Each structure stands twice: as C-alpha cells, then as structure tokens.
Protein backbone atom coordinates (compact mmCIF):
# COMPACT_ATOMS: atom_id res chain seq x y z
CA MET A 1 -8.61 -38.96 -20.57
CA PRO A 2 -7.85 -35.55 -22.18
CA ARG A 3 -4.32 -34.34 -21.89
CA THR A 4 -3.34 -30.84 -20.82
CA PRO A 5 -1.46 -28.91 -23.53
CA GLN A 6 2.19 -28.58 -22.53
CA ALA A 7 2.21 -24.86 -23.28
CA LEU A 8 -0.71 -24.35 -20.89
CA LYS A 9 0.99 -26.31 -18.12
CA ASN A 10 4.16 -24.32 -18.59
CA ALA A 11 2.24 -21.03 -18.49
CA ILE A 12 0.50 -21.97 -15.24
CA LEU A 13 3.70 -23.00 -13.52
CA GLY A 14 5.53 -20.01 -14.94
CA VAL A 15 3.05 -17.56 -13.42
CA ILE A 16 3.36 -19.13 -9.98
CA LEU A 17 7.14 -19.37 -10.22
CA GLY A 18 7.31 -15.77 -11.34
CA PHE A 19 5.65 -14.78 -8.09
CA SER A 20 7.85 -16.98 -5.97
CA VAL A 21 11.16 -15.55 -7.17
CA GLN A 22 10.32 -12.21 -5.52
CA LEU A 23 9.77 -13.59 -2.03
CA CYS A 24 12.05 -11.14 -0.26
CA ALA A 25 9.87 -8.19 -1.23
CA HIS A 26 8.51 -5.62 1.20
CA PRO A 27 5.85 -3.14 0.04
CA VAL A 28 7.31 -0.26 -1.94
CA PRO A 29 7.31 2.79 0.35
CA ASP A 30 5.07 5.70 -0.62
CA VAL A 31 6.35 9.26 -0.29
CA PRO A 32 3.81 11.37 1.64
CA VAL A 33 3.94 15.14 1.03
CA ARG A 34 1.74 17.22 3.33
CA GLY A 35 1.06 20.94 3.07
CA SER A 36 -0.36 22.99 5.95
CA PHE A 37 -1.45 26.57 5.24
CA LEU A 38 -2.73 29.11 7.78
CA SER A 39 -4.66 32.33 7.42
CA GLY A 40 -2.12 35.12 7.59
CA GLY A 41 0.31 33.28 5.34
CA ASP A 42 2.27 30.88 7.55
CA ALA A 43 2.88 27.56 5.78
CA GLU A 44 4.62 24.27 6.48
CA VAL A 45 5.35 21.48 4.03
CA THR A 46 6.61 18.08 5.15
CA ILE A 47 7.89 15.10 3.19
CA GLU A 48 8.43 11.61 4.64
CA ILE A 49 11.13 9.44 3.09
CA ASP A 50 11.83 5.81 3.93
CA PRO A 51 15.62 5.16 3.71
CA ARG A 52 14.81 2.12 1.56
CA CYS A 53 14.05 4.62 -1.22
CA PHE A 54 17.79 5.20 -1.58
CA GLU A 55 18.43 1.59 -2.57
CA ALA A 56 18.42 0.25 -6.12
CA ASP A 57 15.44 -2.00 -5.30
CA PRO A 58 13.41 -0.59 -2.37
CA GLU A 59 11.22 -3.71 -2.19
CA LYS A 60 14.18 -5.95 -1.39
CA ALA A 61 15.89 -3.53 0.97
CA PRO A 62 15.45 -4.10 4.73
CA TYR A 63 13.82 -1.53 6.97
CA PHE A 64 16.03 0.95 8.82
CA THR A 65 15.18 -0.20 12.33
CA PRO A 66 15.31 1.71 15.64
CA ARG A 67 18.22 -0.52 16.70
CA GLU A 68 20.21 0.37 13.57
CA PHE A 69 19.37 4.02 14.09
CA ALA A 70 20.58 3.91 17.70
CA LEU A 71 23.88 2.30 16.64
CA ALA A 72 24.44 4.48 13.58
CA PRO A 73 27.37 6.91 13.97
CA THR A 74 26.86 10.62 13.34
CA VAL A 75 28.54 10.36 9.95
CA ARG A 76 26.02 7.75 8.81
CA ARG A 77 23.06 9.79 10.04
CA GLU A 78 24.26 12.91 8.27
CA GLU A 79 24.79 10.92 5.08
CA LEU A 80 21.19 9.69 5.20
CA LYS A 81 19.96 13.26 5.69
CA ARG A 82 21.95 14.36 2.66
CA LEU A 83 20.49 11.53 0.58
CA ALA A 84 17.00 12.49 1.75
CA ALA A 85 17.48 16.10 0.67
CA GLU A 86 18.71 14.98 -2.76
CA PHE A 87 15.84 12.51 -3.09
CA ALA A 88 13.23 15.15 -2.20
CA ALA A 89 14.62 17.56 -4.80
CA ARG A 90 14.98 14.92 -7.53
CA ASN A 91 11.71 13.04 -7.15
CA VAL A 92 9.12 15.69 -6.32
CA GLU A 93 8.42 19.03 -7.99
CA TYR A 94 6.70 21.85 -6.10
CA ARG A 95 4.86 24.86 -7.59
CA LEU A 96 3.30 28.03 -6.24
CA GLU A 97 0.99 29.78 -8.68
CA PRO A 98 1.69 32.16 -10.39
CA VAL A 99 5.33 32.08 -9.24
CA GLY A 100 6.06 28.70 -10.77
CA ARG A 101 8.46 26.05 -9.53
CA VAL A 102 9.95 26.52 -6.06
CA SER A 103 12.76 24.67 -4.29
CA PRO A 104 11.88 23.98 -0.64
CA GLU A 105 14.77 23.85 1.80
CA PHE A 106 13.79 20.88 3.94
CA SER A 107 15.28 20.30 7.34
CA PHE A 108 15.39 16.52 7.92
CA GLU A 109 15.05 14.65 11.19
CA PHE A 110 14.69 10.96 12.02
CA THR A 111 11.18 10.02 13.17
CA ALA A 112 8.80 7.10 13.39
CA PRO A 113 6.46 6.67 10.39
CA ASP A 114 3.74 8.53 12.31
CA GLY A 115 5.96 11.59 12.63
CA LEU A 116 6.62 11.12 16.34
CA ALA A 117 9.96 10.52 18.04
CA VAL A 118 11.61 7.17 17.36
CA ARG A 119 10.54 4.46 19.82
CA PRO A 120 12.30 1.11 20.40
CA ASN A 121 9.26 -0.92 19.32
CA ASP A 122 8.74 0.92 16.01
CA GLU A 123 9.04 -1.25 12.91
CA ALA A 124 11.04 1.33 11.00
CA VAL A 125 12.70 4.74 11.17
CA VAL A 126 12.08 7.31 8.43
CA LEU A 127 13.37 10.76 7.55
CA THR A 128 10.85 13.59 7.87
CA GLY A 129 11.73 16.84 6.14
CA THR A 130 10.10 20.12 7.18
CA TRP A 131 10.02 23.38 5.19
CA ARG A 132 8.51 26.44 6.82
CA THR A 133 7.72 29.37 4.57
CA LYS A 134 5.35 32.30 4.07
CA VAL A 135 2.56 32.54 1.51
CA THR A 136 2.62 36.14 0.36
CA ALA A 137 -0.14 38.22 -1.21
CA GLY A 138 -0.79 37.22 -4.80
CA ILE A 139 -0.09 33.51 -4.32
CA ALA A 140 -3.11 31.72 -5.76
CA GLY A 141 -2.32 28.01 -5.60
CA TRP A 142 -0.08 25.14 -4.50
CA GLN A 143 0.64 22.05 -6.59
CA VAL A 144 2.87 18.97 -6.36
CA ARG A 145 4.15 16.88 -9.27
CA SER A 146 5.65 13.40 -8.98
CA LYS A 147 8.92 12.54 -10.67
CA ALA A 148 9.39 9.53 -8.42
CA GLU A 149 11.65 6.66 -9.44
CA LYS A 150 11.70 2.92 -8.74
CA GLY A 151 7.94 2.40 -8.80
CA LEU A 152 7.28 4.79 -5.93
CA SER A 153 4.16 6.93 -5.62
CA VAL A 154 3.83 10.38 -4.05
CA VAL A 155 0.80 10.87 -1.81
CA VAL A 156 -0.26 14.53 -1.53
CA SER A 157 -2.53 15.87 1.20
CA ASN A 158 -3.18 19.40 2.45
CA ALA A 159 -4.82 21.31 5.27
CA ILE A 160 -5.96 24.92 5.59
CA ASP A 161 -6.24 26.33 9.10
CA PHE A 162 -5.66 22.79 10.45
CA VAL A 163 -8.67 21.36 8.62
CA PRO A 164 -7.70 18.54 6.20
CA HIS A 165 -8.71 19.20 2.62
CA PRO A 166 -11.16 16.50 1.43
CA ARG A 167 -9.07 15.68 -1.63
CA VAL A 168 -5.95 13.51 -1.52
CA ALA A 169 -3.91 12.63 -4.63
CA VAL A 170 -1.88 9.45 -5.09
CA LEU A 171 0.55 10.38 -7.87
CA PHE A 172 2.44 7.91 -10.00
CA PRO A 173 5.62 9.08 -11.78
CA GLY A 174 4.95 11.95 -14.17
CA GLU A 175 1.56 12.87 -12.72
CA GLU A 176 0.52 16.26 -11.32
CA GLY A 177 -1.69 16.78 -8.30
CA PHE A 178 -4.61 19.18 -8.18
CA VAL A 179 -4.01 22.88 -7.57
CA LEU A 180 -4.92 23.81 -3.98
CA ASP A 181 -6.67 27.18 -3.93
CA LEU A 182 -4.67 29.58 -1.75
CA ALA A 183 -6.21 32.82 -3.05
CA GLY A 184 -6.63 35.25 -0.19
CA VAL A 185 -5.01 33.01 2.44
CA ALA A 186 -2.15 35.46 3.06
CA SER A 187 -4.45 38.45 3.56
CA ARG A 188 -6.96 36.79 5.87
CA GLU A 189 -6.77 37.30 9.58
CA PRO A 190 -5.95 34.13 11.53
CA ALA A 191 -9.24 32.43 12.21
CA LYS A 192 -10.65 29.36 13.86
CA PRO A 193 -10.33 26.14 11.88
CA ARG A 194 -12.86 25.98 9.06
CA ALA A 195 -13.86 23.33 6.59
CA GLU A 196 -12.94 23.60 2.94
CA GLY A 197 -16.24 22.22 1.76
CA GLY A 198 -16.39 18.62 0.63
CA LYS A 199 -17.27 18.99 -3.04
CA VAL A 200 -18.41 16.02 -5.03
CA GLU A 201 -15.44 16.28 -7.40
CA ASP A 202 -13.03 16.20 -4.46
CA GLY A 203 -14.65 13.04 -3.15
CA LEU A 204 -14.59 11.37 -6.56
CA ALA A 205 -10.94 12.32 -7.08
CA THR A 206 -9.97 10.91 -3.68
CA PHE A 207 -11.98 7.74 -4.37
CA GLY A 208 -10.24 7.31 -7.73
CA SER A 209 -6.76 7.84 -6.29
CA PHE A 210 -7.23 5.30 -3.52
CA PHE A 211 -9.03 2.84 -5.83
CA ARG A 212 -5.94 2.75 -8.00
CA GLN A 213 -3.69 2.50 -4.94
CA GLY A 214 -5.73 -0.45 -3.63
CA PHE A 215 -5.54 -2.24 -6.97
CA VAL A 216 -1.79 -1.73 -7.24
CA HIS A 217 -1.36 -2.92 -3.65
CA VAL A 218 -2.63 -6.30 -4.84
CA VAL A 219 -1.47 -6.34 -8.49
CA PRO A 220 1.47 -6.31 -8.85
CA LYS A 221 2.82 -5.37 -5.41
CA GLY A 222 0.88 -7.70 -3.11
CA LEU A 223 2.50 -11.03 -3.92
CA ASP A 224 1.45 -12.57 -0.62
CA HIS A 225 -2.20 -11.58 -1.17
CA ILE A 226 -2.04 -12.80 -4.78
CA LEU A 227 -0.81 -16.23 -3.69
CA PHE A 228 -3.51 -16.50 -1.01
CA VAL A 229 -6.23 -15.70 -3.57
CA LEU A 230 -4.71 -18.26 -5.96
CA GLY A 231 -4.75 -20.79 -3.14
CA VAL A 232 -8.46 -20.13 -2.64
CA PHE A 233 -9.08 -20.47 -6.38
CA LEU A 234 -7.24 -23.79 -6.71
CA LEU A 235 -9.37 -25.81 -4.28
CA THR A 236 -12.18 -26.46 -6.74
CA ALA A 237 -13.23 -25.49 -10.26
CA ALA A 238 -16.90 -25.22 -9.23
CA TRP A 239 -18.10 -21.61 -9.28
CA ARG A 240 -20.37 -21.77 -6.20
CA PRO A 241 -17.67 -22.76 -3.64
CA LEU A 242 -15.31 -20.20 -5.22
CA LEU A 243 -17.95 -17.46 -4.99
CA LEU A 244 -18.66 -18.29 -1.34
CA GLN A 245 -14.97 -18.26 -0.42
CA VAL A 246 -14.28 -14.98 -2.22
CA THR A 247 -17.34 -13.40 -0.57
CA ALA A 248 -16.25 -14.58 2.88
CA PHE A 249 -12.73 -13.28 2.33
CA THR A 250 -14.05 -9.92 1.08
CA LEU A 251 -16.44 -9.41 4.00
CA ALA A 252 -13.78 -10.36 6.53
CA HIS A 253 -10.99 -8.14 5.29
CA SER A 254 -13.40 -5.23 4.73
CA VAL A 255 -14.38 -5.32 8.42
CA THR A 256 -10.86 -5.37 9.85
CA MET A 257 -9.57 -2.88 7.29
CA ALA A 258 -12.22 -0.41 8.42
CA LEU A 259 -11.60 -1.06 12.12
CA ALA A 260 -7.85 -0.59 11.75
CA THR A 261 -8.13 2.48 9.52
CA PHE A 262 -10.38 4.22 12.03
CA GLY A 263 -8.00 3.33 14.86
CA LEU A 264 -10.31 0.87 16.64
CA VAL A 265 -7.88 -2.04 16.19
CA ASP A 266 -4.11 -1.81 16.27
CA VAL A 267 -2.01 -4.92 15.70
CA PRO A 268 1.72 -4.52 14.91
CA PRO A 269 2.87 -5.61 11.43
CA ALA A 270 5.42 -7.87 13.12
CA ILE A 271 2.47 -10.03 14.23
CA ILE A 272 0.24 -9.65 11.17
CA GLU A 273 2.75 -10.35 8.41
CA PRO A 274 3.89 -13.81 9.64
CA ILE A 275 0.22 -14.86 10.06
CA VAL A 276 -0.52 -13.72 6.51
CA ALA A 277 2.36 -15.90 5.33
CA ALA A 278 1.10 -18.82 7.43
CA SER A 279 -2.36 -18.46 5.89
CA ILE A 280 -0.82 -18.98 2.45
CA ILE A 281 0.81 -22.21 3.62
CA PHE A 282 -2.43 -23.44 5.22
CA VAL A 283 -4.70 -23.05 2.18
CA ALA A 284 -2.04 -24.48 -0.14
CA ILE A 285 -1.46 -27.58 2.00
CA GLU A 286 -5.21 -28.05 2.37
CA ASN A 287 -5.55 -27.97 -1.43
CA ILE A 288 -3.13 -30.91 -1.64
CA PHE A 289 -4.26 -33.10 1.27
CA ARG A 290 -7.88 -32.08 1.84
CA PRO A 291 -9.23 -31.21 -1.61
CA VAL A 292 -12.89 -31.06 -0.61
CA TYR A 293 -14.89 -27.88 -0.10
CA SER A 294 -16.78 -27.67 3.19
CA PHE A 295 -18.06 -25.14 5.69
CA ARG A 296 -14.76 -25.60 7.53
CA ARG A 297 -12.89 -24.22 4.50
CA LEU A 298 -15.27 -21.25 4.38
CA ALA A 299 -14.57 -20.51 8.06
CA VAL A 300 -10.82 -20.78 7.49
CA VAL A 301 -10.96 -18.30 4.61
CA PHE A 302 -13.06 -15.90 6.70
CA VAL A 303 -10.66 -15.98 9.65
CA PHE A 304 -7.65 -15.44 7.45
CA GLY A 305 -9.56 -12.67 5.68
CA LEU A 306 -9.72 -10.82 9.00
CA ILE A 307 -5.92 -11.01 9.21
CA HIS A 308 -5.39 -9.89 5.62
CA GLY A 309 -7.66 -6.90 6.27
CA LEU A 310 -5.26 -5.69 8.96
CA ALA A 311 -2.40 -6.01 6.48
CA PHE A 312 -4.34 -4.04 3.86
CA ALA A 313 -5.02 -1.30 6.41
CA GLY A 314 -1.28 -0.93 6.94
CA ALA A 315 -1.00 0.21 3.32
CA LEU A 316 -3.26 3.17 4.08
CA GLY A 317 -1.28 4.13 7.20
CA ASP A 318 -1.21 7.82 8.05
CA VAL A 319 -1.95 8.74 4.44
CA ALA A 320 -5.66 8.06 4.74
CA SER A 321 -5.95 9.83 8.08
CA ALA A 322 -4.56 12.96 6.48
CA THR A 323 -7.72 13.48 4.45
CA GLY A 324 -11.00 14.97 5.57
CA SER A 325 -12.72 12.22 3.58
CA LEU A 326 -11.31 9.21 5.39
CA GLY A 327 -14.40 7.14 4.61
CA VAL A 328 -14.12 7.89 0.89
CA ALA A 329 -10.42 6.95 0.90
CA LEU A 330 -11.19 3.68 2.71
CA VAL A 331 -14.02 2.72 0.34
CA GLY A 332 -11.94 3.58 -2.71
CA PHE A 333 -8.97 1.55 -1.47
CA ASN A 334 -11.21 -1.40 -0.59
CA PHE A 335 -12.85 -1.41 -4.02
CA GLY A 336 -9.40 -1.27 -5.59
CA VAL A 337 -8.31 -4.28 -3.55
CA GLU A 338 -11.42 -6.18 -4.70
CA ALA A 339 -10.72 -5.30 -8.33
CA GLY A 340 -7.16 -6.56 -7.93
CA GLN A 341 -8.33 -9.84 -6.44
CA LEU A 342 -10.88 -10.34 -9.21
CA ALA A 343 -8.16 -9.68 -11.78
CA VAL A 344 -6.06 -12.46 -10.20
CA ILE A 345 -8.99 -14.89 -10.23
CA ALA A 346 -9.91 -13.98 -13.81
CA THR A 347 -6.34 -14.56 -14.96
CA ALA A 348 -6.18 -17.92 -13.19
CA TRP A 349 -9.51 -18.95 -14.73
CA LEU A 350 -8.37 -18.00 -18.23
CA LEU A 351 -5.28 -20.17 -17.78
CA THR A 352 -7.21 -23.21 -16.56
CA PHE A 353 -10.80 -23.17 -17.88
CA ARG A 354 -9.95 -25.54 -20.73
CA ILE A 355 -8.98 -28.25 -18.24
CA THR A 356 -12.30 -29.98 -17.62
CA ASP A 357 -10.99 -33.28 -16.26
CA GLU A 358 -10.62 -32.95 -12.50
CA GLN A 359 -7.85 -35.55 -12.22
CA VAL A 360 -5.80 -33.76 -14.86
CA ARG A 361 -6.45 -30.45 -13.13
CA ARG A 362 -5.22 -31.79 -9.79
CA LYS A 363 -2.15 -33.51 -11.26
CA PHE A 364 -0.91 -30.70 -13.47
CA VAL A 365 -2.31 -27.56 -11.80
CA VAL A 366 -3.56 -27.88 -8.22
CA ILE A 367 -0.79 -29.99 -6.68
CA PRO A 368 2.28 -28.36 -8.31
CA ALA A 369 0.92 -24.83 -7.98
CA SER A 370 -0.15 -25.38 -4.36
CA ALA A 371 3.26 -26.84 -3.55
CA LEU A 372 4.99 -23.74 -4.92
CA ILE A 373 2.58 -21.49 -3.05
CA ALA A 374 3.25 -23.37 0.20
CA LEU A 375 7.01 -23.03 -0.29
CA ALA A 376 6.58 -19.30 -0.88
CA GLY A 377 4.57 -18.97 2.33
CA LEU A 378 7.14 -20.99 4.24
CA TRP A 379 9.93 -18.68 3.11
CA TRP A 380 7.89 -15.62 4.07
CA VAL A 381 7.27 -17.05 7.56
CA TYR A 382 11.00 -17.57 7.97
CA GLU A 383 11.84 -14.11 6.62
CA ARG A 384 9.20 -12.28 8.68
CA VAL A 385 9.95 -14.06 11.94
CA LEU A 386 13.74 -14.48 11.77
CA GLY A 387 14.82 -12.37 8.81
C-alpha cells in the first residue's frame, strides 16, 4: 500500500486548520458611497459606515445591534459619530473636476443598513453620513478614490436626476473610481428623471467590479463557503460525482441569489447563517460515516445550495440595487463566486491528486479534514445562534 508523504499530509491539515482558526469572523463591511446629482446643481453624497470599521479587526468585531444602540448613552453615540467623520475623511478621497480634492462635511446619523430608521429587529446599526452641496457652473466631473484600511472596499454608485448610473465601482485600497460626467448639470433646468445611457463599457466595468467582489467573497473572506465546498470535494475522488455536486450547488445558489437580489425572497441573516453553518457539519459528518455518493447526496447539496445562495445575496445588499444594471451586477458577482469555488476545488485537488489509494485518502485526508470541518461548523452554529 503506498504511503502518503508526510509533507503532503501536513499541508492538507494545515490548510484546513488555517481556516478553522478564524471561526469568529463576520464578513468585512464594505463602505458604500453614493452620489446623487440633480439638474440645476443640487447634490447629495452619502457614506455608510459600519461601526465595526473602527475596530482593529472588523471581521472579529461584533455588530452594533439595535439593543446596544438603544442603551448607548449620548456620550457614546457622539463618540461614534466623531469616529465616523474621521474614518470618512481618512479612508475615502473625493474629487470634483477641475477643482481637485474636496473635503465633504458629513452629518452623521444612526440608521439601519438600508438607510431607514433603526428598527428593533434589524441585525445591525450603521452610521450614515450626508453631505449636501451645490455643483456650480464649470464643474465637469465627480470621482471617488479608496484609501480604505483593514481589507475594506469602497463601493461607489451615482445617480443623475434620480436615475441610477449603470456603472458601479468596487474599489480596493489605492484604486480610483471612474469620473462621472457632470458637465452642464448645474446649468440645466430641473427636468424629469432621464437615463444616462447604458454603454457597453459601463456594463463591462460593473461586471468586472462585481466579479472581483464575488471572488473575494469566497476567497479569502468566505471561510464558511470554502469549508462547505471542501466538504463536497472530500466525499469522493471520482470526477463525475464531484462535477454533479458542484453543478447542483451552482444551480441552486444561483436561483436563490437572483430571487433575493431582486427582492422576491427575503430571509433574515439570523436564520440563514446558522443553517449555512449546519450544512457544513452535515456534509462533513456524511463524509465520515456515509462515504458513498448517491442521489441523496446530490439532493442534499442542492438544498443547501439554495441556502448558501441567500447568504451570497446578502453580500450584494443595497449596493447592487443602487445600480441601473442590477442584472449585470448580479451576473458578475455570481461568476466571481463560481471562480472562487473552482479555485478552492483546484487547490484541494492539487494537494491530493497524488493519493491514488482510497484507503490512504480516507485515513489521512477525508476523515481528519472532515472532522475539522465539522468542528468549525459546530462552532459557527454556536456563535450564530447564541453568540
């Protein structure tokens, strides 16, 4: 019987363990910046900041809940507003062409993530800053640049006369967004809402931004999704069952992601996230005690894929709805998610393809890796239900 090289075994277990040590992570909060410009020159820019952004490690910081907000004294609330103003100035740069850099004076208020008043059943409370200004004659463009820290991304969207621009930019630190054409906006008479076009380059740029965001949502940020995909991979080394499971998972999460993004399905994260964690436990335990592929396994993966799709849709949130090309954003994000999943599978295959003996594979790869994955899922269930 061939033996598995010790270095290979250590690498496999090290990858899984590396994922498991970050079990307390929540998704890193994006920083949406939205510009609204009206004929005649009136303009409003808003920025949404999750209080977790103020922490050294936003992923490990807990949400600022409606209950905490209700109990927070005035001094604490004012301190958070001050931190938000400093964060907005330090992490995002704003430019009006040809004037150059400008310093918006945001007025911050506590809101729900959708911009509405805080409600008791909201998952989190955020700080929404608003800057109202005037676009004067001669202003030709508006641009945002990300200087974000701690792995955050700045998501830029705009509207002219209440019509969303078809291009949305997801900016990583150091990146500049496109220049929004404002030429003539100040001198035009207020008019009815009008479309800004829908150029091919705008659609491609939006697709590219959300493709990258979808990929990053899986690798490296989506540890729970990574472990589920690894659990699917570990059941069998045969390519046909793996292909069928990946296809079922893809179809399922694509359906629910689309339904949730378009507002046809709305399930609170407090329900979705524990089920996602439970799905990780289920496939891992099945790998250990029921290591045989069957139609039942395919159905299980499909059902859990529906749940994961709702979790993926939460990553789009109000960002996607801010664009006039919602369908393009959704497709780009979905393709990015698929690319991330394929990257996980490819990495797992490269680490294990030399192990051709099935008994060795189960003893040194499937059972220990599945056990670690199950423990990770168990901790997430505990954290997401009682944490």
